[in-house]
Amino acid sequence: MAVPKKKTSKGKRNQRHAHWKAKAGVAAQKALSIGKAVLSGRAQGFIYPIAEVEEESES
């Protein structure tokens, strides 16, 4: 069974946790920015599917 060699300090643990939490904020900011760009029509370099109605199959 694998066990850690030494105990991780509280400071190191808190630093790792803070970094992990900060990444969530950055990801949320990017998602909001992309969403605004898509809605305003300014999205460049971002590919997203557009629902197309197939009218050709009715003939």
Protein backbone atom coordinates (compact mmCIF):
# COMPACT_ATOMS: atom_id res chain seq x y z
CA MET A 1 0.00 0.00 0.00
CA ALA A 2 1.42 3.40 -1.03
CA VAL A 3 1.83 6.00 1.69
CA PRO A 4 3.38 9.48 1.55
CA LYS A 5 6.93 9.76 2.85
CA LYS A 6 6.41 13.00 4.78
CA LYS A 7 3.42 14.97 5.97
CA THR A 8 2.44 17.87 3.73
CA SER A 9 2.51 21.18 5.57
CA LYS A 10 -0.66 23.22 6.07
CA GLY A 11 0.80 26.07 4.05
CA LYS A 12 1.51 23.86 1.07
CA ARG A 13 -1.96 22.32 1.28
CA ASN A 14 -3.62 25.75 1.49
CA GLN A 15 -1.54 27.04 -1.41
CA ARG A 16 -2.59 24.11 -3.59
CA HIS A 17 -6.24 24.57 -2.60
CA ALA A 18 -6.14 28.33 -3.34
CA HIS A 19 -4.63 27.69 -6.78
CA TRP A 20 -7.35 25.13 -7.55
CA LYS A 21 -10.07 27.57 -6.48
CA ALA A 22 -8.55 30.39 -8.55
CA LYS A 23 -8.65 28.28 -11.72
CA ALA A 24 -12.45 28.07 -11.39
CA GLY A 25 -12.77 31.85 -11.48
CA VAL A 26 -10.61 32.13 -14.59
CA ALA A 27 -12.64 29.40 -16.35
CA ALA A 28 -15.91 31.14 -15.46
CA GLN A 29 -14.58 34.45 -16.81
CA LYS A 30 -13.58 32.81 -20.11
CA ALA A 31 -16.95 31.07 -20.45
CA LEU A 32 -18.82 34.33 -19.86
CA SER A 33 -16.64 36.14 -22.38
CA ILE A 34 -17.18 33.47 -25.06
CA GLY A 35 -20.93 33.46 -24.35
CA LYS A 36 -21.15 37.23 -24.77
CA ALA A 37 -19.15 37.06 -28.01
CA VAL A 38 -21.40 34.34 -29.43
CA LEU A 39 -24.59 36.22 -28.54
CA SER A 40 -23.34 39.50 -30.00
CA GLY A 41 -22.06 37.82 -33.18
CA ARG A 42 -18.42 38.82 -32.62
CA ALA A 43 -17.14 35.29 -32.04
CA GLN A 44 -14.00 34.63 -34.09
CA GLY A 45 -12.17 31.34 -33.91
CA PHE A 46 -14.90 29.71 -31.88
CA ILE A 47 -16.90 27.01 -33.65
CA TYR A 48 -20.34 26.11 -32.35
CA PRO A 49 -23.16 24.13 -33.97
CA ILE A 50 -26.11 26.03 -35.38
CA ALA A 51 -29.43 24.19 -35.49
CA GLU A 52 -30.50 24.06 -39.12
CA VAL A 53 -34.02 23.14 -40.18
CA GLU A 54 -34.06 20.59 -42.98
CA GLU A 55 -36.69 21.76 -45.47
CA GLU A 56 -35.38 19.67 -48.35
CA SER A 57 -36.71 16.37 -46.97
CA GLU A 58 -40.35 17.50 -47.32
CA SER A 59 -40.34 17.33 -51.15
